[in-house]
């Protein structure tokens, strides 16, 4: 990833200017991440309105999720694997400009096919940004990845919680198009901000990745643990994002079901800030063992035992706990291979996208054959599997640390 190293600034003035530039980059990255969270949740909240506005059947509405994912997957893998060779400033600014244009096109779409085409472009453009923003933060703050990653993802949660509310306000103001116009203008302003910033100075550098390096990277135990754990946990998140309001309609009093997803996403914000504060003290794997060890019984209580408003309390607990898993696992794996943070980010994002899209589809089959309660209860299984992955990773890490310590002692002797 291009950018001057802070070690070569040569003066206190240059160091101070580099630090200020990094802070500005961090702020703009965080704000853009909030916009991407809003866009993701707007997409689901606006579907019922699009169905009536464009007069399209439900099967066509089902194309919205894959349309937003296919371009994103391809681009984040291509750009992320090349993170050590690209100009981060130029690519991030270009991705933000293209995202803004696609959002404005979605808001102006005269037909549903045009809306879908713009959505494909928007997903691909976000992929450019997301392929480079987290790796850039990794090199900005190499000794604080857990804290910074959790805060970064907390801004996504803030945007995601506000997205459905923005749809409600836009509809009350007269048209669903207003929400895409507003977010598009916001991202356009952020794109201009990216373009105006100097290329960032980083405290560590991204190394180009060869094909043999990629194979070795995927075989690393930390990366294997990351991909396995995220496959299970992000699949559960995808199921909750899609089916929680539907499930809540049968469990909560009238008017409360629509709030469940917003309440859960709002709980992500303090959950990620707390995990960010604790990860440096406890270590990522110890923290994750505790989080998942609490999440499994919280999930079981919510969907096996609770009824009425107790379900809403369980949803808050789930949001607080599950929120920290993704960023903390990302920090754990990136700490093991900081020179390849771009490919790690790309692989994790690809696996998560497949799981977020695939699990809700499987749940849909279960809902059709049984009911939403059965589908939600089945999500306990991947959570238990994720807990098992983290436990194995913790044992393996302890053994590696013990071998390293014994080897160091033998060398000293």
Protein backbone atom coordinates (compact mmCIF):
# COMPACT_ATOMS: atom_id res chain seq x y z
CA UNK A 1 0.00 0.00 0.00
CA UNK A 2 1.59 3.23 -1.11
CA UNK A 3 2.36 6.04 1.28
CA UNK A 4 5.46 7.44 2.87
CA UNK A 5 6.79 5.94 6.06
CA UNK A 6 6.71 8.09 9.17
CA UNK A 7 10.26 7.13 9.93
CA UNK A 8 11.57 9.27 7.07
CA UNK A 9 9.94 12.58 7.93
CA UNK A 10 13.14 13.95 9.48
CA UNK A 11 11.61 16.78 11.53
CA UNK A 12 9.16 17.34 14.36
CA UNK A 13 7.09 19.54 12.05
CA UNK A 14 6.86 16.81 9.45
CA UNK A 15 5.94 14.22 12.08
CA UNK A 16 3.19 16.47 13.46
CA UNK A 17 1.84 17.10 9.97
CA UNK A 18 1.83 13.37 9.22
CA UNK A 19 -0.02 12.65 12.48
CA UNK A 20 -2.62 15.30 11.67
CA UNK A 21 -3.04 13.89 8.17
CA UNK A 22 -3.54 10.39 9.61
CA UNK A 23 -6.21 11.71 11.97
CA UNK A 24 -8.03 13.39 9.07
CA UNK A 25 -7.86 10.17 7.05
CA UNK A 26 -9.22 8.24 10.03
CA UNK A 27 -12.16 10.63 10.49
CA UNK A 28 -13.12 10.54 6.81
CA UNK A 29 -12.77 6.74 6.67
CA UNK A 30 -15.00 6.39 9.74
CA UNK A 31 -17.66 8.73 8.29
CA UNK A 32 -17.64 6.83 5.00
CA UNK A 33 -18.01 3.57 6.90
CA UNK A 34 -21.09 4.99 8.64
CA UNK A 35 -22.56 5.77 5.22
CA UNK A 36 -21.92 2.22 3.98
CA UNK A 37 -23.71 0.85 7.06
CA UNK A 38 -26.68 3.10 6.36
CA UNK A 39 -26.80 2.05 2.71
CA UNK A 40 -26.78 -1.65 3.61
CA UNK A 41 -29.76 -1.35 5.96
CA UNK A 42 -31.61 1.12 3.71
CA UNK A 43 -31.56 -1.56 1.03
CA UNK A 44 -33.68 -3.92 3.10
CA UNK A 45 -35.93 -1.26 4.61
CA UNK A 46 -36.89 0.18 1.22
CA UNK A 47 -37.81 -3.17 -0.39
CA UNK A 48 -41.54 -3.09 0.45
CA UNK A 49 -41.79 0.39 -1.06
CA UNK A 50 -39.93 -0.63 -4.22
CA UNK A 51 -42.28 -3.58 -4.68
CA UNK A 52 -45.27 -1.28 -4.97
CA UNK A 53 -43.53 1.60 -6.72
CA UNK A 54 -42.06 -0.44 -9.58
CA UNK A 55 -44.77 -3.15 -9.47
CA UNK A 56 -42.31 -6.05 -9.41
CA UNK A 57 -42.87 -9.62 -8.17
CA UNK A 58 -41.17 -10.89 -5.04
CA UNK A 59 -38.72 -13.06 -6.97
CA UNK A 60 -37.30 -9.93 -8.61
CA UNK A 61 -36.96 -8.25 -5.23
CA UNK A 62 -34.88 -11.27 -4.25
CA UNK A 63 -32.28 -10.09 -6.80
CA UNK A 64 -31.44 -7.04 -4.70
CA UNK A 65 -29.14 -8.87 -2.26
CA UNK A 66 -27.05 -10.71 -4.89
CA UNK A 67 -26.92 -7.59 -7.08
CA UNK A 68 -25.30 -5.68 -4.25
CA UNK A 69 -22.94 -8.53 -3.38
CA UNK A 70 -21.55 -9.91 -6.64
CA UNK A 71 -19.59 -6.82 -7.67
CA UNK A 72 -18.46 -6.21 -4.11
CA UNK A 73 -17.03 -9.72 -3.78
CA UNK A 74 -15.10 -9.62 -7.04
CA UNK A 75 -13.67 -6.15 -6.49
CA UNK A 76 -12.68 -6.55 -2.84
CA UNK A 77 -10.81 -9.77 -3.67
CA UNK A 78 -9.02 -8.21 -6.65
CA UNK A 79 -8.12 -4.92 -5.01
CA UNK A 80 -7.47 -6.38 -1.55
CA UNK A 81 -5.01 -8.95 -2.88
CA UNK A 82 -3.15 -6.10 -4.64
CA UNK A 83 -3.14 -3.73 -1.67
CA UNK A 84 0.66 -3.59 -1.59
CA UNK A 85 0.84 -2.35 -5.18
CA UNK A 86 -1.91 0.26 -5.52
CA UNK A 87 -2.16 3.96 -4.71
CA UNK A 88 -4.52 3.92 -1.72
CA UNK A 89 -5.48 7.59 -1.98
CA UNK A 90 -6.39 7.39 -5.66
CA UNK A 91 -8.31 4.14 -5.35
CA UNK A 92 -10.24 5.11 -2.20
CA UNK A 93 -11.21 8.50 -3.61
CA UNK A 94 -12.20 6.91 -6.92
CA UNK A 95 -14.29 4.28 -5.17
CA UNK A 96 -16.03 6.95 -3.10
CA UNK A 97 -16.83 9.07 -6.19
CA UNK A 98 -18.20 6.01 -8.00
CA UNK A 99 -20.25 5.02 -4.94
CA UNK A 100 -21.78 8.49 -4.76
CA UNK A 101 -22.68 8.41 -8.45
CA UNK A 102 -24.26 4.97 -8.16
CA UNK A 103 -26.33 6.01 -5.11
CA UNK A 104 -27.62 9.09 -6.92
CA UNK A 105 -28.45 6.90 -9.94
CA UNK A 106 -30.39 4.52 -7.68
CA UNK A 107 -32.39 7.45 -6.36
CA UNK A 108 -33.17 8.62 -9.90
CA UNK A 109 -33.85 5.17 -11.40
CA UNK A 110 -36.83 5.19 -13.78
CA UNK A 111 -37.25 1.40 -13.59
CA UNK A 112 -36.33 -1.55 -11.43
CA UNK A 113 -33.72 -2.96 -13.88
CA UNK A 114 -31.92 0.40 -13.84
CA UNK A 115 -32.05 0.36 -10.03
CA UNK A 116 -30.48 -3.12 -10.00
CA UNK A 117 -27.76 -2.09 -12.46
CA UNK A 118 -26.88 0.92 -10.32
CA UNK A 119 -26.84 -1.35 -7.27
CA UNK A 120 -24.28 -3.63 -8.94
CA UNK A 121 -22.05 -0.62 -9.61
CA UNK A 122 -22.54 0.66 -6.08
CA UNK A 123 -21.54 -2.71 -4.58
CA UNK A 124 -18.42 -2.86 -6.73
CA UNK A 125 -17.47 0.72 -5.85
CA UNK A 126 -17.87 0.07 -2.12
CA UNK A 127 -15.63 -2.97 -2.64
CA UNK A 128 -12.80 -0.67 -3.76
CA UNK A 129 -13.10 1.40 -0.59
CA UNK A 130 -13.56 -1.53 1.78
CA UNK A 131 -10.59 -3.38 0.27
CA UNK A 132 -8.23 -0.62 1.39
CA UNK A 133 -9.71 1.28 4.32
CA UNK A 134 -9.19 -1.33 7.06
CA UNK A 135 -5.65 -2.22 5.85
CA UNK A 136 -4.84 1.49 5.88
CA UNK A 137 -6.04 1.78 9.48
CA UNK A 138 -3.97 -1.30 10.30
CA UNK A 139 -0.83 0.50 9.16
CA UNK A 140 -1.86 3.77 10.82
CA UNK A 141 -2.23 2.14 14.24
CA UNK A 142 -0.26 -1.15 14.24
CA UNK A 143 -0.17 -1.37 18.06
CA UNK A 144 -3.91 -0.62 18.52
CA UNK A 145 -5.63 -2.72 15.88
CA UNK A 146 -8.20 -4.28 18.22
CA UNK A 147 -9.30 -0.93 19.61
CA UNK A 148 -9.32 0.85 16.23
CA UNK A 149 -11.08 -1.97 14.36
CA UNK A 150 -13.86 -2.09 16.96
CA UNK A 151 -14.35 1.67 16.76
CA UNK A 152 -14.30 1.52 12.97
CA UNK A 153 -17.01 -1.13 12.94
CA UNK A 154 -18.96 0.78 15.61
CA UNK A 155 -19.34 3.63 13.11
CA UNK A 156 -20.80 1.12 10.64
CA UNK A 157 -23.31 0.13 13.32
CA UNK A 158 -24.27 3.76 13.91
CA UNK A 159 -25.01 4.19 10.21
CA UNK A 160 -26.78 0.85 10.02
CA UNK A 161 -29.05 1.76 12.94
CA UNK A 162 -29.90 5.11 11.35
CA UNK A 163 -30.52 3.68 7.86
CA UNK A 164 -34.06 2.32 8.43
CA UNK A 165 -34.98 5.51 10.30
CA UNK A 166 -33.80 7.53 7.29
CA UNK A 167 -36.14 5.50 5.07
CA UNK A 168 -39.07 6.30 7.38
CA UNK A 169 -38.23 10.02 7.29
CA UNK A 170 -37.83 9.98 3.50
CA UNK A 171 -41.21 8.30 3.03
CA UNK A 172 -42.84 10.82 5.34
CA UNK A 173 -41.19 13.61 3.34
CA UNK A 174 -42.69 12.22 0.15
CA UNK A 175 -40.42 9.70 -1.59
CA UNK A 176 -38.00 6.84 -0.98
CA UNK A 177 -35.71 8.49 -3.54
CA UNK A 178 -34.75 11.16 -1.01
CA UNK A 179 -32.80 8.74 1.17
CA UNK A 180 -30.55 7.66 -1.72
CA UNK A 181 -30.09 11.28 -2.74
CA UNK A 182 -29.10 12.31 0.78
CA UNK A 183 -26.62 9.47 1.27
CA UNK A 184 -25.26 9.98 -2.24
CA UNK A 185 -24.55 13.65 -1.56
CA UNK A 186 -22.91 12.76 1.78
CA UNK A 187 -20.61 10.21 0.12
CA UNK A 188 -19.81 12.71 -2.64
CA UNK A 189 -18.66 15.21 -0.01
CA UNK A 190 -16.49 12.52 1.58
CA UNK A 191 -15.03 11.63 -1.82
CA UNK A 192 -14.00 15.26 -2.26
CA UNK A 193 -12.44 15.12 1.21
CA UNK A 194 -10.42 12.01 0.29
CA UNK A 195 -9.26 13.68 -2.91
CA UNK A 196 -8.10 16.78 -1.02
CA UNK A 197 -6.05 14.88 1.59
CA UNK A 198 -2.36 14.18 1.16
CA UNK A 199 -1.29 10.58 0.64
CA UNK A 200 -1.15 9.08 4.14
CA UNK A 201 2.06 8.40 6.03
CA UNK A 202 1.94 4.91 7.56
CA UNK A 203 3.83 3.33 10.45
CA UNK A 204 4.15 -0.04 8.73
CA UNK A 205 3.99 -1.09 5.10
CA UNK A 206 1.93 -3.50 3.02
CA UNK A 207 3.98 -6.02 1.09
CA UNK A 208 2.94 -7.23 -2.38
CA UNK A 209 1.39 -10.70 -2.34
CA UNK A 210 2.45 -13.45 -4.74
CA UNK A 211 0.43 -16.57 -5.54
CA UNK A 212 2.65 -18.71 -3.33
CA UNK A 213 2.32 -16.13 -0.55
CA UNK A 214 -1.47 -16.38 -0.80
CA UNK A 215 -1.43 -20.16 -0.37
CA UNK A 216 0.86 -19.82 2.64
CA UNK A 217 -1.33 -17.04 4.07
CA UNK A 218 -4.50 -19.14 3.91
CA UNK A 219 -2.73 -22.02 5.68
CA UNK A 220 -1.72 -19.89 8.65
CA UNK A 221 -3.63 -21.04 11.77
CA UNK A 222 -4.64 -17.48 12.68
CA UNK A 223 -6.16 -16.90 9.24
CA UNK A 224 -7.89 -20.29 9.21
CA UNK A 225 -9.41 -19.52 12.61
CA UNK A 226 -10.52 -16.10 11.35
CA UNK A 227 -12.24 -17.46 8.25
CA UNK A 228 -13.93 -20.35 10.09
CA UNK A 229 -15.18 -18.22 12.98
CA UNK A 230 -16.42 -15.45 10.70
CA UNK A 231 -18.22 -17.93 8.46
CA UNK A 232 -20.29 -19.08 11.41
CA UNK A 233 -20.82 -15.76 13.21
CA UNK A 234 -21.52 -13.53 10.20
CA UNK A 235 -24.00 -16.14 8.95
CA UNK A 236 -25.87 -15.71 12.24
CA UNK A 237 -25.74 -11.93 11.80
CA UNK A 238 -27.10 -12.25 8.28
CA UNK A 239 -29.94 -14.41 9.55
CA UNK A 240 -30.77 -11.85 12.24
CA UNK A 241 -30.63 -8.92 9.81
CA UNK A 242 -33.06 -10.67 7.48
CA UNK A 243 -35.46 -12.63 9.69
CA UNK A 244 -35.47 -11.00 13.14
CA UNK A 245 -38.30 -8.50 12.40
CA UNK A 246 -40.34 -11.29 10.79
CA UNK A 247 -39.85 -13.52 13.85
CA UNK A 248 -40.63 -10.66 16.23
CA UNK A 249 -44.06 -10.05 14.66
CA UNK A 250 -45.32 -13.22 16.35
CA UNK A 251 -43.51 -12.62 19.65
CA UNK A 252 -43.89 -8.91 20.45
CA UNK A 253 -46.86 -6.57 20.88
CA UNK A 254 -48.03 -4.65 17.83
CA UNK A 255 -45.64 -1.88 16.85
CA UNK A 256 -42.61 -3.37 18.59
CA UNK A 257 -41.48 -5.85 15.94
CA UNK A 258 -40.22 -3.14 13.60
CA UNK A 259 -37.91 -1.85 16.32
CA UNK A 260 -36.04 -5.10 16.97
CA UNK A 261 -33.41 -4.72 14.24
CA UNK A 262 -32.76 -1.06 15.03
CA UNK A 263 -32.44 -1.89 18.75
CA UNK A 264 -30.00 -4.72 18.02
CA UNK A 265 -27.88 -2.54 15.71
CA UNK A 266 -27.90 0.28 18.26
CA UNK A 267 -26.52 -2.21 20.81
CA UNK A 268 -23.61 -2.86 18.42
CA UNK A 269 -22.22 0.61 19.15
CA UNK A 270 -21.48 0.28 22.90
CA UNK A 271 -20.64 -3.40 22.39
CA UNK A 272 -17.87 -2.58 19.94
CA UNK A 273 -16.50 0.26 22.03
CA UNK A 274 -16.30 -2.03 25.07
CA UNK A 275 -14.63 -4.82 23.08
CA UNK A 276 -12.18 -2.30 21.70
CA UNK A 277 -11.25 -1.24 25.21
CA UNK A 278 -10.94 -4.82 26.50
CA UNK A 279 -9.09 -6.49 23.64
CA UNK A 280 -5.73 -4.92 24.53
CA UNK A 281 -6.12 -5.89 28.19
CA UNK A 282 -7.36 -9.45 27.80
CA UNK A 283 -6.04 -10.44 24.39
CA UNK A 284 -8.36 -11.11 21.44
CA UNK A 285 -8.86 -14.86 21.90
CA UNK A 286 -9.50 -14.66 25.65
CA UNK A 287 -12.01 -11.86 25.03
CA UNK A 288 -13.74 -13.83 22.27
CA UNK A 289 -14.01 -16.94 24.45
CA UNK A 290 -15.83 -14.86 27.04
CA UNK A 291 -18.03 -13.09 24.49
CA UNK A 292 -19.11 -16.26 22.69
CA UNK A 293 -19.43 -18.12 25.99
CA UNK A 294 -22.03 -15.52 27.01
CA UNK A 295 -23.59 -15.21 23.56
CA UNK A 296 -24.66 -18.85 23.27
CA UNK A 297 -26.84 -18.84 26.44
CA UNK A 298 -28.15 -15.34 25.61
CA UNK A 299 -29.22 -16.59 22.19
CA UNK A 300 -30.78 -19.74 23.66
CA UNK A 301 -32.73 -17.69 26.21
CA UNK A 302 -34.02 -15.25 23.59
CA UNK A 303 -35.27 -17.79 21.08
CA UNK A 304 -36.09 -20.82 23.26
CA UNK A 305 -37.42 -19.36 26.51
CA UNK A 306 -38.27 -15.67 26.26
CA UNK A 307 -41.61 -14.25 25.20
CA UNK A 308 -43.14 -10.80 25.01
CA UNK A 309 -40.85 -7.87 25.71
CA UNK A 310 -38.24 -10.22 27.21
CA UNK A 311 -37.39 -11.05 23.58
CA UNK A 312 -36.43 -7.41 23.07
CA UNK A 313 -34.12 -7.56 26.09
CA UNK A 314 -32.52 -10.70 24.69
CA UNK A 315 -32.01 -8.99 21.34
CA UNK A 316 -30.16 -6.14 23.07
CA UNK A 317 -27.88 -8.66 24.82
CA UNK A 318 -27.23 -10.44 21.51
CA UNK A 319 -26.33 -7.17 19.80
CA UNK A 320 -23.95 -6.17 22.60
CA UNK A 321 -22.14 -9.50 22.49
CA UNK A 322 -22.05 -10.46 18.82
CA UNK A 323 -20.95 -6.98 17.75
CA UNK A 324 -17.33 -7.42 18.81
CA UNK A 325 -16.61 -10.78 17.20
CA UNK A 326 -15.85 -9.61 13.65
CA UNK A 327 -13.50 -6.69 14.44
CA UNK A 328 -11.70 -8.55 17.23
CA UNK A 329 -11.08 -11.60 15.03
CA UNK A 330 -9.86 -9.31 12.25
CA UNK A 331 -7.39 -7.67 14.63
CA UNK A 332 -6.17 -11.09 15.84
CA UNK A 333 -5.44 -12.39 12.35
CA UNK A 334 -3.96 -9.11 11.10
CA UNK A 335 -1.58 -8.95 14.07
CA UNK A 336 -0.18 -12.30 12.91
CA UNK A 337 0.50 -11.07 9.34
CA UNK A 338 0.45 -7.26 9.43
CA UNK A 339 2.35 -7.03 6.16
CA UNK A 340 -0.62 -8.66 4.37
CA UNK A 341 -3.53 -6.86 6.01
CA UNK A 342 -5.14 -6.20 2.61
CA UNK A 343 -5.47 -9.85 1.57
CA UNK A 344 -6.60 -10.83 5.11
CA UNK A 345 -9.30 -8.16 4.92
CA UNK A 346 -10.33 -9.29 1.43
CA UNK A 347 -10.57 -12.98 2.36
CA UNK A 348 -12.55 -12.22 5.52
CA UNK A 349 -14.92 -9.91 3.67
CA UNK A 350 -15.50 -12.48 0.94
CA UNK A 351 -16.24 -15.29 3.39
CA UNK A 352 -18.51 -13.03 5.42
CA UNK A 353 -20.44 -11.91 2.33
CA UNK A 354 -21.08 -15.50 1.27
CA UNK A 355 -22.24 -16.43 4.76
CA UNK A 356 -24.38 -13.30 5.25
CA UNK A 357 -26.14 -14.05 1.96
CA UNK A 358 -26.30 -17.83 2.22
CA UNK A 359 -27.59 -18.40 5.75
CA UNK A 360 -30.73 -16.24 5.33
CA UNK A 361 -31.54 -18.16 2.15
CA UNK A 362 -31.33 -21.49 4.02
CA UNK A 363 -33.44 -20.00 6.80
CA UNK A 364 -36.03 -19.02 4.22
CA UNK A 365 -36.44 -22.67 3.29
CA UNK A 366 -36.86 -23.56 6.99
CA UNK A 367 -39.40 -20.77 7.48
CA UNK A 368 -41.37 -22.02 4.49
CA UNK A 369 -41.35 -25.61 5.74
CA UNK A 370 -41.82 -24.90 9.45
CA UNK A 371 -41.79 -21.42 11.00
CA UNK A 372 -39.53 -18.50 11.88
CA UNK A 373 -39.03 -19.70 15.46
CA UNK A 374 -37.51 -22.96 14.25
CA UNK A 375 -35.21 -21.10 11.85
CA UNK A 376 -33.98 -18.72 14.56
CA UNK A 377 -33.33 -21.56 17.01
CA UNK A 378 -31.17 -23.36 14.47
CA UNK A 379 -28.76 -20.41 14.57
CA UNK A 380 -27.51 -21.61 17.95
CA UNK A 381 -25.59 -24.37 16.12
CA UNK A 382 -23.19 -22.06 14.20
CA UNK A 383 -22.62 -20.03 17.37
CA UNK A 384 -21.56 -23.19 19.22
CA UNK A 385 -19.32 -24.06 16.25
CA UNK A 386 -17.73 -20.59 16.40
CA UNK A 387 -17.08 -21.03 20.12
CA UNK A 388 -15.39 -24.35 19.34
CA UNK A 389 -13.19 -22.69 16.69
CA UNK A 390 -12.07 -19.99 19.13
CA UNK A 391 -11.38 -22.56 21.85
CA UNK A 392 -9.19 -24.57 19.45
CA UNK A 393 -7.44 -21.40 18.30
CA UNK A 394 -6.74 -20.48 21.93
CA UNK A 395 -5.24 -23.91 22.66
CA UNK A 396 -3.13 -23.75 19.49
CA UNK A 397 -1.94 -20.23 20.33
CA UNK A 398 -0.94 -21.32 23.83
CA UNK A 399 1.09 -24.20 22.39
CA UNK A 400 2.82 -21.90 19.89
CA UNK A 401 3.64 -19.45 22.67
CA UNK A 402 5.00 -22.27 24.85
CA UNK A 403 7.21 -23.56 22.02
CA UNK A 404 8.47 -20.05 21.33
CA UNK A 405 9.25 -19.53 25.00
CA UNK A 406 11.10 -22.86 25.30
CA UNK A 407 13.02 -22.13 22.13
CA UNK A 408 14.02 -18.72 23.43
CA UNK A 409 15.14 -20.26 26.75
CA UNK A 410 17.23 -22.89 24.96
CA UNK A 411 18.84 -20.18 22.82
CA UNK A 412 19.70 -18.14 25.94
CA UNK A 413 21.28 -21.22 27.55
